[in-house]
C-alpha atoms as a PDB file:
ATOM      1  CA  MET A   1     -49.892  23.394  -5.454  1.00  0.00           C
ATOM      2  CA  ARG A   2     -47.309  24.626  -7.937  1.00  0.00           C
ATOM      3  CA  PHE A   3     -45.028  25.735  -5.069  1.00  0.00           C
ATOM      4  CA  ARG A   4     -45.299  22.299  -3.461  1.00  0.00           C
ATOM      5  CA  LYS A   5     -44.275  20.492  -6.682  1.00  0.00           C
ATOM      6  CA  ALA A   6     -41.343  22.851  -7.145  1.00  0.00           C
ATOM      7  CA  ALA A   7     -40.210  22.291  -3.535  1.00  0.00           C
ATOM      8  CA  ILE A   8     -40.413  18.492  -3.958  1.00  0.00           C
ATOM      9  CA  LEU A   9     -38.499  18.663  -7.236  1.00  0.00           C
ATOM     10  CA  LEU A  10     -35.827  20.911  -5.708  1.00  0.00           C
ATOM     11  CA  SER A  11     -35.514  18.638  -2.661  1.00  0.00           C
ATOM     12  CA  THR A  12     -35.132  15.605  -4.912  1.00  0.00           C
ATOM     13  CA  VAL A  13     -32.403  17.295  -6.948  1.00  0.00           C
ATOM     14  CA  VAL A  14     -30.527  18.306  -3.778  1.00  0.00           C
ATOM     15  CA  VAL A  15     -30.706  14.748  -2.385  1.00  0.00           C
ATOM     16  CA  ILE A  16     -29.501  13.247  -5.688  1.00  0.00           C
ATOM     17  CA  LEU A  17     -26.596  15.707  -5.880  1.00  0.00           C
ATOM     18  CA  ALA A  18     -25.620  15.009  -2.260  1.00  0.00           C
ATOM     19  CA  LEU A  19     -25.708  11.240  -2.842  1.00  0.00           C
ATOM     20  CA  GLY A  20     -23.716  11.675  -6.053  1.00  0.00           C
ATOM     21  CA  PHE A  21     -21.044  13.679  -4.255  1.00  0.00           C
ATOM     22  CA  TYR A  22     -20.922  11.091  -1.466  1.00  0.00           C
ATOM     23  CA  ALA A  23     -20.673   8.251  -4.008  1.00  0.00           C
ATOM     24  CA  LEU A  24     -17.821   9.991  -5.859  1.00  0.00           C
ATOM     25  CA  ARG A  25     -15.921  10.591  -2.669  1.00  0.00           C
ATOM     26  CA  TYR A  26     -16.183   6.938  -1.524  1.00  0.00           C
ATOM     27  CA  ARG A  27     -16.232   5.165  -4.903  1.00  0.00           C
ATOM     28  CA  ARG A  28     -12.902   3.440  -4.196  1.00  0.00           C
ATOM     29  CA  TYR A  29     -14.437   1.618  -1.217  1.00  0.00           C
ATOM     30  CA  ALA A  30     -17.264   0.317  -3.391  1.00  0.00           C
ATOM     31  CA  TYR A  31     -14.773  -0.807  -6.035  1.00  0.00           C
ATOM     32  CA  ALA A  32     -12.651  -2.624  -3.408  1.00  0.00           C
ATOM     33  CA  ALA A  33     -15.691  -4.501  -2.076  1.00  0.00           C
ATOM     34  CA  ALA A  34     -16.737  -5.492  -5.597  1.00  0.00           C
ATOM     35  CA  TRP A  35     -13.189  -6.624  -6.433  1.00  0.00           C
ATOM     36  CA  HIS A  36     -13.164  -8.950  -3.407  1.00  0.00           C
ATOM     37  CA  CYS A  37     -16.518 -10.455  -4.440  1.00  0.00           C
ATOM     38  CA  PHE A  38     -14.929 -11.638  -7.693  1.00  0.00           C
ATOM     39  CA  HIS A  39     -11.329 -12.390  -6.618  1.00  0.00           C
ATOM     40  CA  SER A  40     -11.287 -13.331  -2.874  1.00  0.00           C
ATOM     41  CA  ASN A  41      -8.698 -12.076  -0.378  1.00  0.00           C
ATOM     42  CA  ASN A  42      -5.709 -14.079  -1.624  1.00  0.00           C
ATOM     43  CA  VAL A  43      -3.321 -12.793  -4.267  1.00  0.00           C
ATOM     44  CA  LYS A  44      -0.952 -15.207  -6.022  1.00  0.00           C
ATOM     45  CA  VAL A  45       2.575 -14.165  -6.903  1.00  0.00           C
ATOM     46  CA  GLY A  46       4.375 -16.967  -8.727  1.00  0.00           C
ATOM     47  CA  GLU A  47       4.366 -19.867  -6.298  1.00  0.00           C
ATOM     48  CA  HIS A  48       3.656 -17.580  -3.332  1.00  0.00           C
ATOM     49  CA  GLN A  49       0.541 -15.835  -2.091  1.00  0.00           C
ATOM     50  CA  PHE A  50      -0.496 -13.167   0.374  1.00  0.00           C
ATOM     51  CA  THR A  51      -3.767 -11.945   1.832  1.00  0.00           C
ATOM     52  CA  ILE A  52      -5.193  -8.451   1.416  1.00  0.00           C
ATOM     53  CA  PRO A  53      -7.932  -6.853   3.558  1.00  0.00           C
ATOM     54  CA  THR A  54     -11.282  -5.934   1.996  1.00  0.00           C
ATOM     55  CA  VAL A  55     -10.361  -2.259   1.516  1.00  0.00           C
ATOM     56  CA  TRP A  56      -7.340  -3.215  -0.653  1.00  0.00           C
ATOM     57  CA  TRP A  57      -7.450  -4.581  -4.213  1.00  0.00           C
ATOM     58  CA  VAL A  58      -5.117  -5.519  -7.046  1.00  0.00           C
ATOM     59  CA  GLU A  59      -5.086  -2.680  -9.524  1.00  0.00           C
ATOM     60  CA  LYS A  60      -2.763  -4.121 -12.149  1.00  0.00           C
ATOM     61  CA  LYS A  61      -0.599  -7.115 -12.923  1.00  0.00           C
ATOM     62  CA  ASN A  62       2.074  -7.142 -15.599  1.00  0.00           C
ATOM     63  CA  ALA A  63       5.411  -8.866 -16.148  1.00  0.00           C
ATOM     64  CA  GLY A  64       5.376 -10.384 -12.665  1.00  0.00           C
ATOM     65  CA  ARG A  65       4.693  -6.995 -11.055  1.00  0.00           C
ATOM     66  CA  ILE A  66       1.577  -6.509  -8.974  1.00  0.00           C
ATOM     67  CA  SER A  67       0.150  -3.198  -7.716  1.00  0.00           C
ATOM     68  CA  VAL A  68      -2.143  -3.385  -4.703  1.00  0.00           C
ATOM     69  CA  VAL A  69      -3.960  -0.192  -3.699  1.00  0.00           C
ATOM     70  CA  ARG A  70      -6.105   0.802  -0.733  1.00  0.00           C
ATOM     71  CA  ALA A  71      -9.459   2.502  -0.843  1.00  0.00           C
ATOM     72  CA  CYS A  72      -9.521   5.954   0.688  1.00  0.00           C
ATOM     73  CA  LYS A  73     -11.438   9.176   0.244  1.00  0.00           C
ATOM     74  CA  SER A  74     -10.921  10.864  -3.086  1.00  0.00           C
ATOM     75  CA  THR A  75      -9.547  13.874  -1.206  1.00  0.00           C
ATOM     76  CA  ALA A  76      -6.439  11.995   0.010  1.00  0.00           C
ATOM     77  CA  LEU A  77      -3.124  13.548  -1.014  1.00  0.00           C
ATOM     78  CA  VAL A  78      -1.057  10.347  -0.847  1.00  0.00           C
ATOM     79  CA  TYR A  79      -2.743   7.097  -1.818  1.00  0.00           C
ATOM     80  CA  PRO A  80      -1.535   3.911  -0.077  1.00  0.00           C
ATOM     81  CA  GLU A  81      -0.034   1.444  -2.549  1.00  0.00           C
ATOM     82  CA  ILE A  82       2.005  -1.757  -2.397  1.00  0.00           C
ATOM     83  CA  GLU A  83       4.150  -2.914  -5.293  1.00  0.00           C
ATOM     84  CA  VAL A  84       5.261  -6.539  -5.502  1.00  0.00           C
ATOM     85  CA  ASP A  85       8.211  -6.607  -7.891  1.00  0.00           C
ATOM     86  CA  PRO A  86      10.323  -9.484  -9.152  1.00  0.00           C
ATOM     87  CA  VAL A  87      14.035  -9.081  -8.397  1.00  0.00           C
ATOM     88  CA  SER A  88      16.990 -10.394 -10.366  1.00  0.00           C
ATOM     89  CA  GLU A  89      18.617 -13.679  -9.375  1.00  0.00           C
ATOM     90  CA  GLU A  90      21.738 -11.758  -8.330  1.00  0.00           C
ATOM     91  CA  ALA A  91      19.703  -9.751  -5.806  1.00  0.00           C
ATOM     92  CA  VAL A  92      18.347 -12.865  -4.047  1.00  0.00           C
ATOM     93  CA  VAL A  93      20.505 -13.810  -1.075  1.00  0.00           C
ATOM     94  CA  ALA A  94      20.781 -17.141   0.714  1.00  0.00           C
ATOM     95  CA  THR A  95      20.453 -16.128   4.381  1.00  0.00           C
ATOM     96  CA  ASP A  96      18.459 -13.730   6.527  1.00  0.00           C
ATOM     97  CA  ASP A  97      21.680 -12.375   8.062  1.00  0.00           C
ATOM     98  CA  GLU A  98      23.110 -11.536   4.644  1.00  0.00           C
ATOM     99  CA  GLN A  99      19.857  -9.795   3.627  1.00  0.00           C
ATOM    100  CA  SER A 100      19.784  -7.841   6.884  1.00  0.00           C
ATOM    101  CA  ARG A 101      23.408  -6.757   6.487  1.00  0.00           C
ATOM    102  CA  ARG A 102      22.825  -5.573   2.894  1.00  0.00           C
ATOM    103  CA  LEU A 103      19.841  -3.421   3.812  1.00  0.00           C
ATOM    104  CA  GLN A 104      21.538  -1.969   6.893  1.00  0.00           C
ATOM    105  CA  GLU A 105      24.339  -0.829   4.576  1.00  0.00           C
ATOM    106  CA  VAL A 106      21.727   0.800   2.324  1.00  0.00           C
ATOM    107  CA  VAL A 107      20.244   2.633   5.331  1.00  0.00           C
ATOM    108  CA  SER A 108      23.700   3.864   6.392  1.00  0.00           C
ATOM    109  CA  THR A 109      24.375   5.179   2.893  1.00  0.00           C
ATOM    110  CA  LEU A 110      20.981   6.883   2.659  1.00  0.00           C
ATOM    111  CA  ASN A 111      21.419   8.609   6.022  1.00  0.00           C
ATOM    112  CA  LEU A 112      24.971   9.675   5.173  1.00  0.00           C
ATOM    113  CA  HIS A 113      23.749  11.631   2.137  1.00  0.00           C
ATOM    114  CA  SER A 114      20.243  12.548   3.318  1.00  0.00           C
ATOM    115  CA  GLN A 115      18.351  15.760   2.683  1.00  0.00           C
ATOM    116  CA  PRO A 116      16.594  17.733   5.452  1.00  0.00           C
ATOM    117  CA  GLY A 117      13.194  16.189   6.168  1.00  0.00           C
ATOM    118  CA  PHE A 118      14.262  12.740   4.983  1.00  0.00           C
ATOM    119  CA  THR A 119      15.207   9.849   7.269  1.00  0.00           C
ATOM    120  CA  ALA A 120      15.891   6.176   6.668  1.00  0.00           C
ATOM    121  CA  SER A 121      15.840   3.334   9.167  1.00  0.00           C
ATOM    122  CA  PHE A 122      16.088  -0.449   9.208  1.00  0.00           C
ATOM    123  CA  GLY A 123      13.325  -2.758  10.394  1.00  0.00           C
ATOM    124  CA  VAL A 124      12.062  -6.316  10.258  1.00  0.00           C
ATOM    125  CA  VAL A 125       8.627  -7.729   9.428  1.00  0.00           C
ATOM    126  CA  LYS A 126       8.104 -11.385  10.286  1.00  0.00           C
ATOM    127  CA  SER A 127       5.675 -13.522   8.336  1.00  0.00           C
ATOM    128  CA  LYS A 128       4.643 -17.095   9.028  1.00  0.00           C
ATOM    129  CA  VAL A 129       7.462 -18.391   6.858  1.00  0.00           C
ATOM    130  CA  PHE A 130       9.869 -15.524   6.103  1.00  0.00           C
ATOM    131  CA  VAL A 131      11.721 -12.678   7.780  1.00  0.00           C
ATOM    132  CA  TRP A 132      11.479  -9.498   5.724  1.00  0.00           C
ATOM    133  CA  SER A 133      14.347  -7.048   6.154  1.00  0.00           C
ATOM    134  CA  CYS A 134      13.093  -3.551   5.400  1.00  0.00           C
ATOM    135  CA  VAL A 135      14.353  -0.079   4.635  1.00  0.00           C
ATOM    136  CA  ARG A 136      11.898   2.491   5.985  1.00  0.00           C
ATOM    137  CA  MET A 137      12.100   5.997   4.581  1.00  0.00           C
ATOM    138  CA  GLU A 138       9.986   8.887   5.709  1.00  0.00           C
ATOM    139  CA  GLU A 139       9.527  12.376   4.416  1.00  0.00           C
ATOM    140  CA  THR A 140       8.756  15.073   6.960  1.00  0.00           C
ATOM    141  CA  ILE A 141       7.265  18.417   5.977  1.00  0.00           C
ATOM    142  CA  LEU A 142       6.876  21.150   8.598  1.00  0.00           C
ATOM    143  CA  GLY A 143       7.547  18.628  11.371  1.00  0.00           C
ATOM    144  CA  ARG A 144       4.852  16.177  10.236  1.00  0.00           C
ATOM    145  CA  ASN A 145       5.538  12.756   8.701  1.00  0.00           C
ATOM    146  CA  PHE A 146       3.913  13.220   5.304  1.00  0.00           C
ATOM    147  CA  SER A 147       4.876  10.073   3.423  1.00  0.00           C
ATOM    148  CA  THR A 148       6.388   6.700   4.252  1.00  0.00           C
ATOM    149  CA  GLN A 149       8.062   4.137   2.037  1.00  0.00           C
ATOM    150  CA  LEU A 150       8.834   0.626   3.220  1.00  0.00           C
ATOM    151  CA  ILE A 151      10.949  -1.569   0.925  1.00  0.00           C
ATOM    152  CA  CYS A 152      11.332  -5.162   2.089  1.00  0.00           C
ATOM    153  CA  HIS A 153      13.334  -8.177   0.914  1.00  0.00           C
ATOM    154  CA  ALA A 154      13.507 -11.714   2.284  1.00  0.00           C
ATOM    155  CA  SER A 155      16.233 -14.273   1.710  1.00  0.00           C
ATOM    156  CA  ARG A 156      15.513 -16.870  -0.985  1.00  0.00           C
ATOM    157  CA  ILE A 157      12.470 -14.866  -2.236  1.00  0.00           C
ATOM    158  CA  PRO A 158      12.645 -13.481  -5.790  1.00  0.00           C
ATOM    159  CA  TYR A 159      10.322 -10.549  -4.958  1.00  0.00           C
ATOM    160  CA  SER A 160      10.520  -7.251  -3.149  1.00  0.00           C
ATOM    161  CA  LEU A 161       7.594  -5.627  -1.357  1.00  0.00           C
ATOM    162  CA  ASP A 162       7.322  -1.848  -1.497  1.00  0.00           C
ATOM    163  CA  TYR A 163       4.749   0.199   0.425  1.00  0.00           C
ATOM    164  CA  GLN A 164       4.313   3.882  -0.371  1.00  0.00           C
ATOM    165  CA  GLY A 165       1.741   6.048   1.303  1.00  0.00           C
ATOM    166  CA  PRO A 166       0.683   7.851   4.447  1.00  0.00           C
ATOM    167  CA  PRO A 167       2.237   6.665   7.715  1.00  0.00           C
ATOM    168  CA  GLU A 168      -1.241   5.930   9.109  1.00  0.00           C
ATOM    169  CA  ARG A 169      -1.521   2.942   6.721  1.00  0.00           C
ATOM    170  CA  GLU A 170       1.949   1.499   7.332  1.00  0.00           C
ATOM    171  CA  ALA A 171       0.677  -1.017   9.930  1.00  0.00           C
ATOM    172  CA  GLU A 172      -1.825  -2.370   7.381  1.00  0.00           C
ATOM    173  CA  ALA A 173       0.957  -2.763   4.828  1.00  0.00           C
ATOM    174  CA  LYS A 174       3.096  -4.635   7.373  1.00  0.00           C
ATOM    175  CA  SER A 175       0.219  -7.022   8.097  1.00  0.00           C
ATOM    176  CA  ILE A 176      -0.098  -7.693   4.360  1.00  0.00           C
ATOM    177  CA  PHE A 177       3.667  -8.326   4.178  1.00  0.00           C
ATOM    178  CA  ALA A 178       3.391 -10.670   7.182  1.00  0.00           C
ATOM    179  CA  SER A 179       0.745 -12.755   5.345  1.00  0.00           C
ATOM    180  CA  PHE A 180       3.188 -13.560   2.506  1.00  0.00           C
ATOM    181  CA  GLN A 181       3.840 -17.297   2.229  1.00  0.00           C
END
């Protein structure tokens, strides 16, 4: 009888520890779901807004800057994050062509002075209303793309969008950028 009680107690402790470890590892997913219950999927930025999937949430807002992070296992080395930053009036350009030309010049300069394992390229993300011109930078370690940064600007928009994180989450970031209106 005593052995049976001890076995039940030990089994209970093992189950609780396993659930605790599991909960710690996936706590960011639970937080993201709870955040969406209270705030919805739309994030306002000045007079604009964009939509974030359920596994993303707004971590902080201050001085017009918004940080949006993605839930992932606690063992991840690089956490996916999007920064929405206000830009100065001088940085806002009037046309998509002018914005594209500026960022292509930035890419040329970055590649001219690049380090081994670092590459920069130019790309475009189209939203319903805007065309985002983007500088894409990637860091390669031992032949594997380790980290990606995507910095995007649109003409007539006083904000920049900046994704930093693993390349596997870049498509999600682009879909968030495309929802900007």
